[in-house]
Amino acid sequence: MRYTAARKPREAVPIAQALDGFLAASGLSERLRHSAVLRVWSEVVGAALARHARAVRFAQAELFVEVDSAAHLHELSNFTGEQYRELANARLGSQQIRRVHFQLKR
C-alpha cells in the first residue's frame, strides 16, 4: 500500500482564471493564438486566393505561406502581400504579423 500525503485544500478560483492557467501551462494558449492568425489570413485573402496561398505556420511574429504557382509567388511577394499582412493585423486588432514569407509549394 502506498502512502500519499494529505493535500491542502486549494482556494477556489474563477473558471476563466483556471482555464487561462491551464492553457498557458500546456502551451495551448499560444497554439490557439497561432490558429487565429492562420484563419484570419485565409479570410483576408479571400476563398479564391486562399486555395493557392495557404498559411502553413506562424512563429515569432512571422507567417509562412505556401503558394502553388510561380505567378502567385511573384504577385504576393512583390505587390499584394504587404497589403494582406496589414489587413490581417487590422482584423486581429494588433500587429501580430511582422513579416510574411512566401514560398513555392514543392
N, C-alpha and C. Protein backbone atom coordinates (compact mmCIF):
# COMPACT_ATOMS: atom_id res chain seq x y z
N MET A 1 0.85 -1.17 0.00
CA MET A 1 0.00 0.00 0.00
C MET A 1 0.89 1.24 0.00
N ARG A 2 0.56 2.19 -0.89
CA ARG A 2 1.33 3.42 -0.98
C ARG A 2 0.79 4.47 -0.04
N TYR A 3 1.72 5.20 0.53
CA TYR A 3 1.34 6.30 1.39
C TYR A 3 1.25 7.56 0.56
N THR A 4 0.18 8.28 0.68
CA THR A 4 0.05 9.57 -0.01
C THR A 4 -0.16 10.66 1.04
N ALA A 5 0.58 11.71 0.89
CA ALA A 5 0.46 12.83 1.83
C ALA A 5 -0.88 13.52 1.65
N ALA A 6 -1.42 13.99 2.71
CA ALA A 6 -2.68 14.74 2.64
C ALA A 6 -2.42 16.05 1.90
N ARG A 7 -3.30 16.39 1.01
CA ARG A 7 -3.16 17.62 0.23
C ARG A 7 -3.93 18.73 0.90
N LYS A 8 -3.33 19.90 0.87
CA LYS A 8 -4.03 21.07 1.40
C LYS A 8 -5.12 21.46 0.43
N PRO A 9 -6.28 21.81 0.93
CA PRO A 9 -7.32 22.28 0.01
C PRO A 9 -6.88 23.61 -0.61
N ARG A 10 -7.13 23.75 -1.89
CA ARG A 10 -6.77 24.98 -2.59
C ARG A 10 -7.93 25.96 -2.53
N GLU A 11 -7.54 27.20 -2.66
CA GLU A 11 -8.55 28.25 -2.70
C GLU A 11 -9.29 28.18 -4.03
N ALA A 12 -10.57 28.40 -4.00
CA ALA A 12 -11.37 28.37 -5.23
C ALA A 12 -11.02 29.59 -6.09
N VAL A 13 -10.96 29.35 -7.41
CA VAL A 13 -10.69 30.44 -8.36
C VAL A 13 -11.77 30.40 -9.43
N PRO A 14 -12.01 31.53 -10.07
CA PRO A 14 -13.00 31.54 -11.17
C PRO A 14 -12.56 30.59 -12.29
N ILE A 15 -13.51 29.98 -12.94
CA ILE A 15 -13.23 29.01 -14.00
C ILE A 15 -12.40 29.63 -15.12
N ALA A 16 -12.65 30.87 -15.47
CA ALA A 16 -11.89 31.54 -16.54
C ALA A 16 -10.42 31.63 -16.16
N GLN A 17 -10.14 31.93 -14.90
CA GLN A 17 -8.75 32.01 -14.44
C GLN A 17 -8.10 30.63 -14.46
N ALA A 18 -8.83 29.62 -14.04
CA ALA A 18 -8.29 28.25 -14.06
C ALA A 18 -8.02 27.80 -15.48
N LEU A 19 -8.92 28.11 -16.39
CA LEU A 19 -8.75 27.72 -17.79
C LEU A 19 -7.57 28.46 -18.41
N ASP A 20 -7.44 29.75 -18.14
CA ASP A 20 -6.29 30.52 -18.64
C ASP A 20 -4.98 29.93 -18.14
N GLY A 21 -4.95 29.56 -16.89
CA GLY A 21 -3.75 28.95 -16.31
C GLY A 21 -3.41 27.63 -16.98
N PHE A 22 -4.43 26.81 -17.19
CA PHE A 22 -4.21 25.52 -17.86
C PHE A 22 -3.71 25.71 -19.29
N LEU A 23 -4.35 26.61 -20.04
CA LEU A 23 -3.95 26.85 -21.42
C LEU A 23 -2.52 27.36 -21.51
N ALA A 24 -2.14 28.25 -20.60
CA ALA A 24 -0.77 28.78 -20.60
C ALA A 24 0.23 27.69 -20.24
N ALA A 25 -0.07 26.90 -19.21
CA ALA A 25 0.86 25.86 -18.76
C ALA A 25 1.03 24.75 -19.80
N SER A 26 -0.02 24.46 -20.54
CA SER A 26 0.04 23.37 -21.52
C SER A 26 0.58 23.81 -22.88
N GLY A 27 0.70 25.11 -23.10
CA GLY A 27 1.16 25.62 -24.39
C GLY A 27 0.03 25.78 -25.40
N LEU A 28 -1.17 25.43 -25.01
CA LEU A 28 -2.31 25.53 -25.93
C LEU A 28 -2.71 26.98 -26.19
N SER A 29 -2.46 27.86 -25.24
CA SER A 29 -2.81 29.26 -25.42
C SER A 29 -2.11 29.85 -26.64
N GLU A 30 -0.82 29.57 -26.75
CA GLU A 30 -0.04 30.07 -27.89
C GLU A 30 -0.52 29.43 -29.19
N ARG A 31 -0.82 28.14 -29.16
CA ARG A 31 -1.28 27.45 -30.37
C ARG A 31 -2.63 28.00 -30.83
N LEU A 32 -3.50 28.35 -29.88
CA LEU A 32 -4.79 28.94 -30.25
C LEU A 32 -4.59 30.30 -30.90
N ARG A 33 -3.65 31.07 -30.37
CA ARG A 33 -3.34 32.38 -30.97
C ARG A 33 -2.81 32.21 -32.39
N HIS A 34 -1.98 31.21 -32.58
CA HIS A 34 -1.42 30.94 -33.90
C HIS A 34 -2.51 30.50 -34.87
N SER A 35 -3.44 29.68 -34.41
CA SER A 35 -4.50 29.24 -35.31
C SER A 35 -5.38 30.40 -35.73
N ALA A 36 -5.54 31.40 -34.86
CA ALA A 36 -6.32 32.59 -35.23
C ALA A 36 -5.64 33.34 -36.36
N VAL A 37 -4.31 33.44 -36.31
CA VAL A 37 -3.56 34.13 -37.37
C VAL A 37 -3.74 33.38 -38.70
N LEU A 38 -3.63 32.06 -38.68
CA LEU A 38 -3.79 31.27 -39.90
C LEU A 38 -5.20 31.42 -40.48
N ARG A 39 -6.20 31.43 -39.60
CA ARG A 39 -7.59 31.58 -40.04
C ARG A 39 -7.82 32.96 -40.64
N VAL A 40 -7.31 33.99 -39.99
CA VAL A 40 -7.51 35.37 -40.46
C VAL A 40 -6.84 35.56 -41.82
N TRP A 41 -5.67 34.96 -42.03
CA TRP A 41 -5.01 35.07 -43.34
C TRP A 41 -5.96 34.59 -44.44
N SER A 42 -6.57 33.44 -44.25
CA SER A 42 -7.49 32.89 -45.24
C SER A 42 -8.67 33.82 -45.47
N GLU A 43 -9.14 34.44 -44.41
CA GLU A 43 -10.28 35.35 -44.53
C GLU A 43 -9.92 36.60 -45.34
N VAL A 44 -8.76 37.19 -45.06
CA VAL A 44 -8.44 38.46 -45.72
C VAL A 44 -8.04 38.28 -47.18
N VAL A 45 -7.45 37.13 -47.53
CA VAL A 45 -7.09 36.95 -48.94
C VAL A 45 -8.28 36.48 -49.77
N GLY A 46 -9.31 35.97 -49.11
CA GLY A 46 -10.50 35.50 -49.82
C GLY A 46 -10.37 34.04 -50.21
N ALA A 47 -11.49 33.41 -50.43
CA ALA A 47 -11.53 31.97 -50.70
C ALA A 47 -10.75 31.57 -51.95
N ALA A 48 -10.87 32.36 -53.00
CA ALA A 48 -10.21 32.00 -54.26
C ALA A 48 -8.69 32.00 -54.11
N LEU A 49 -8.13 33.06 -53.55
CA LEU A 49 -6.68 33.12 -53.38
C LEU A 49 -6.20 32.17 -52.28
N ALA A 50 -7.01 31.96 -51.26
CA ALA A 50 -6.63 31.06 -50.16
C ALA A 50 -6.39 29.64 -50.67
N ARG A 51 -7.03 29.28 -51.76
CA ARG A 51 -6.80 27.95 -52.35
C ARG A 51 -5.40 27.85 -52.96
N HIS A 52 -4.81 28.97 -53.29
CA HIS A 52 -3.49 29.00 -53.94
C HIS A 52 -2.38 29.50 -53.02
N ALA A 53 -2.74 30.15 -51.93
CA ALA A 53 -1.76 30.71 -50.99
C ALA A 53 -2.20 30.35 -49.58
N ARG A 54 -1.68 29.24 -49.08
CA ARG A 54 -2.13 28.69 -47.79
C ARG A 54 -1.12 28.99 -46.69
N ALA A 55 -1.60 29.64 -45.63
CA ALA A 55 -0.77 29.89 -44.46
C ALA A 55 -0.51 28.56 -43.77
N VAL A 56 0.76 28.23 -43.59
CA VAL A 56 1.09 26.91 -43.03
C VAL A 56 1.72 26.97 -41.65
N ARG A 57 2.30 28.13 -41.28
CA ARG A 57 2.98 28.20 -39.98
C ARG A 57 3.10 29.65 -39.55
N PHE A 58 3.01 29.84 -38.25
CA PHE A 58 3.21 31.17 -37.66
C PHE A 58 4.13 31.00 -36.47
N ALA A 59 5.28 31.66 -36.50
CA ALA A 59 6.24 31.56 -35.41
C ALA A 59 7.01 32.86 -35.28
N GLN A 60 7.18 33.32 -34.07
CA GLN A 60 7.95 34.53 -33.77
C GLN A 60 7.54 35.71 -34.65
N ALA A 61 6.24 35.90 -34.75
CA ALA A 61 5.63 37.01 -35.49
C ALA A 61 5.86 36.94 -37.00
N GLU A 62 6.25 35.78 -37.50
CA GLU A 62 6.44 35.60 -38.93
C GLU A 62 5.49 34.53 -39.45
N LEU A 63 4.77 34.88 -40.51
CA LEU A 63 3.80 33.98 -41.11
C LEU A 63 4.41 33.36 -42.36
N PHE A 64 4.29 32.06 -42.49
CA PHE A 64 4.82 31.34 -43.64
C PHE A 64 3.65 30.86 -44.50
N VAL A 65 3.69 31.25 -45.77
CA VAL A 65 2.59 30.97 -46.69
C VAL A 65 3.14 30.18 -47.87
N GLU A 66 2.52 29.04 -48.15
CA GLU A 66 2.88 28.24 -49.32
C GLU A 66 1.98 28.64 -50.48
N VAL A 67 2.59 28.91 -51.63
CA VAL A 67 1.82 29.23 -52.82
C VAL A 67 2.04 28.13 -53.85
N ASP A 68 1.03 27.90 -54.69
CA ASP A 68 1.12 26.75 -55.60
C ASP A 68 1.58 27.09 -57.01
N SER A 69 1.95 28.34 -57.27
CA SER A 69 2.46 28.67 -58.60
C SER A 69 3.45 29.83 -58.51
N ALA A 70 4.34 29.89 -59.48
CA ALA A 70 5.31 30.98 -59.53
C ALA A 70 4.61 32.33 -59.72
N ALA A 71 3.51 32.33 -60.44
CA ALA A 71 2.77 33.58 -60.67
C ALA A 71 2.21 34.12 -59.35
N HIS A 72 1.63 33.26 -58.54
CA HIS A 72 1.12 33.70 -57.25
C HIS A 72 2.26 34.14 -56.33
N LEU A 73 3.36 33.43 -56.37
CA LEU A 73 4.53 33.79 -55.57
C LEU A 73 5.01 35.20 -55.94
N HIS A 74 5.12 35.46 -57.23
CA HIS A 74 5.57 36.77 -57.70
C HIS A 74 4.60 37.87 -57.29
N GLU A 75 3.33 37.65 -57.50
CA GLU A 75 2.30 38.64 -57.18
C GLU A 75 2.32 38.98 -55.69
N LEU A 76 2.31 37.96 -54.84
CA LEU A 76 2.25 38.19 -53.40
C LEU A 76 3.56 38.77 -52.85
N SER A 77 4.68 38.27 -53.33
CA SER A 77 5.98 38.75 -52.84
C SER A 77 6.25 40.19 -53.23
N ASN A 78 5.82 40.58 -54.41
CA ASN A 78 6.19 41.89 -54.93
C ASN A 78 5.10 42.96 -54.91
N PHE A 79 3.84 42.54 -54.83
CA PHE A 79 2.77 43.53 -54.98
C PHE A 79 1.74 43.53 -53.85
N THR A 80 1.07 42.44 -53.62
CA THR A 80 -0.09 42.46 -52.73
C THR A 80 0.13 41.88 -51.34
N GLY A 81 1.22 41.19 -51.12
CA GLY A 81 1.46 40.53 -49.84
C GLY A 81 1.43 41.46 -48.64
N GLU A 82 2.05 42.63 -48.77
CA GLU A 82 2.10 43.58 -47.66
C GLU A 82 0.71 44.10 -47.33
N GLN A 83 -0.11 44.31 -48.33
CA GLN A 83 -1.49 44.77 -48.09
C GLN A 83 -2.27 43.72 -47.31
N TYR A 84 -2.10 42.45 -47.68
CA TYR A 84 -2.79 41.38 -46.96
C TYR A 84 -2.28 41.27 -45.52
N ARG A 85 -0.99 41.49 -45.30
CA ARG A 85 -0.44 41.46 -43.94
C ARG A 85 -1.09 42.55 -43.10
N GLU A 86 -1.21 43.75 -43.66
CA GLU A 86 -1.83 44.86 -42.94
C GLU A 86 -3.30 44.60 -42.65
N LEU A 87 -4.02 44.03 -43.61
CA LEU A 87 -5.42 43.69 -43.39
C LEU A 87 -5.57 42.63 -42.30
N ALA A 88 -4.70 41.64 -42.32
CA ALA A 88 -4.76 40.58 -41.30
C ALA A 88 -4.50 41.17 -39.91
N ASN A 89 -3.50 42.03 -39.79
CA ASN A 89 -3.22 42.66 -38.50
C ASN A 89 -4.39 43.51 -38.04
N ALA A 90 -5.02 44.22 -38.96
CA ALA A 90 -6.19 45.04 -38.60
C ALA A 90 -7.31 44.14 -38.08
N ARG A 91 -7.52 43.02 -38.73
CA ARG A 91 -8.57 42.08 -38.31
C ARG A 91 -8.23 41.48 -36.95
N LEU A 92 -6.94 41.22 -36.71
CA LEU A 92 -6.52 40.65 -35.42
C LEU A 92 -6.53 41.68 -34.30
N GLY A 93 -6.51 42.96 -34.65
CA GLY A 93 -6.56 44.01 -33.66
C GLY A 93 -5.21 44.40 -33.09
N SER A 94 -4.13 43.85 -33.65
CA SER A 94 -2.78 44.21 -33.21
C SER A 94 -1.78 43.80 -34.28
N GLN A 95 -0.57 44.26 -34.13
CA GLN A 95 0.48 43.97 -35.12
C GLN A 95 1.14 42.62 -34.80
N GLN A 96 0.38 41.55 -34.87
CA GLN A 96 0.91 40.22 -34.56
C GLN A 96 1.83 39.69 -35.66
N ILE A 97 1.52 40.03 -36.92
CA ILE A 97 2.30 39.53 -38.05
C ILE A 97 3.30 40.62 -38.46
N ARG A 98 4.57 40.38 -38.19
CA ARG A 98 5.61 41.34 -38.56
C ARG A 98 6.08 41.15 -39.98
N ARG A 99 6.09 39.90 -40.42
CA ARG A 99 6.61 39.59 -41.75
C ARG A 99 5.90 38.37 -42.30
N VAL A 100 5.72 38.35 -43.62
CA VAL A 100 5.15 37.19 -44.29
C VAL A 100 6.19 36.64 -45.25
N HIS A 101 6.43 35.35 -45.15
CA HIS A 101 7.37 34.65 -46.06
C HIS A 101 6.52 33.83 -47.03
N PHE A 102 6.70 34.08 -48.30
CA PHE A 102 6.01 33.31 -49.32
C PHE A 102 6.99 32.31 -49.91
N GLN A 103 6.55 31.06 -50.02
CA GLN A 103 7.41 30.04 -50.58
C GLN A 103 6.60 29.17 -51.54
N LEU A 104 7.25 28.75 -52.59
CA LEU A 104 6.61 27.91 -53.59
C LEU A 104 6.44 26.51 -53.02
N LYS A 105 5.23 25.99 -53.11
CA LYS A 105 4.95 24.65 -52.62
C LYS A 105 5.71 23.63 -53.45
N ARG A 106 6.32 22.69 -52.81
CA ARG A 106 7.11 21.65 -53.53
C ARG A 106 6.28 20.46 -53.85
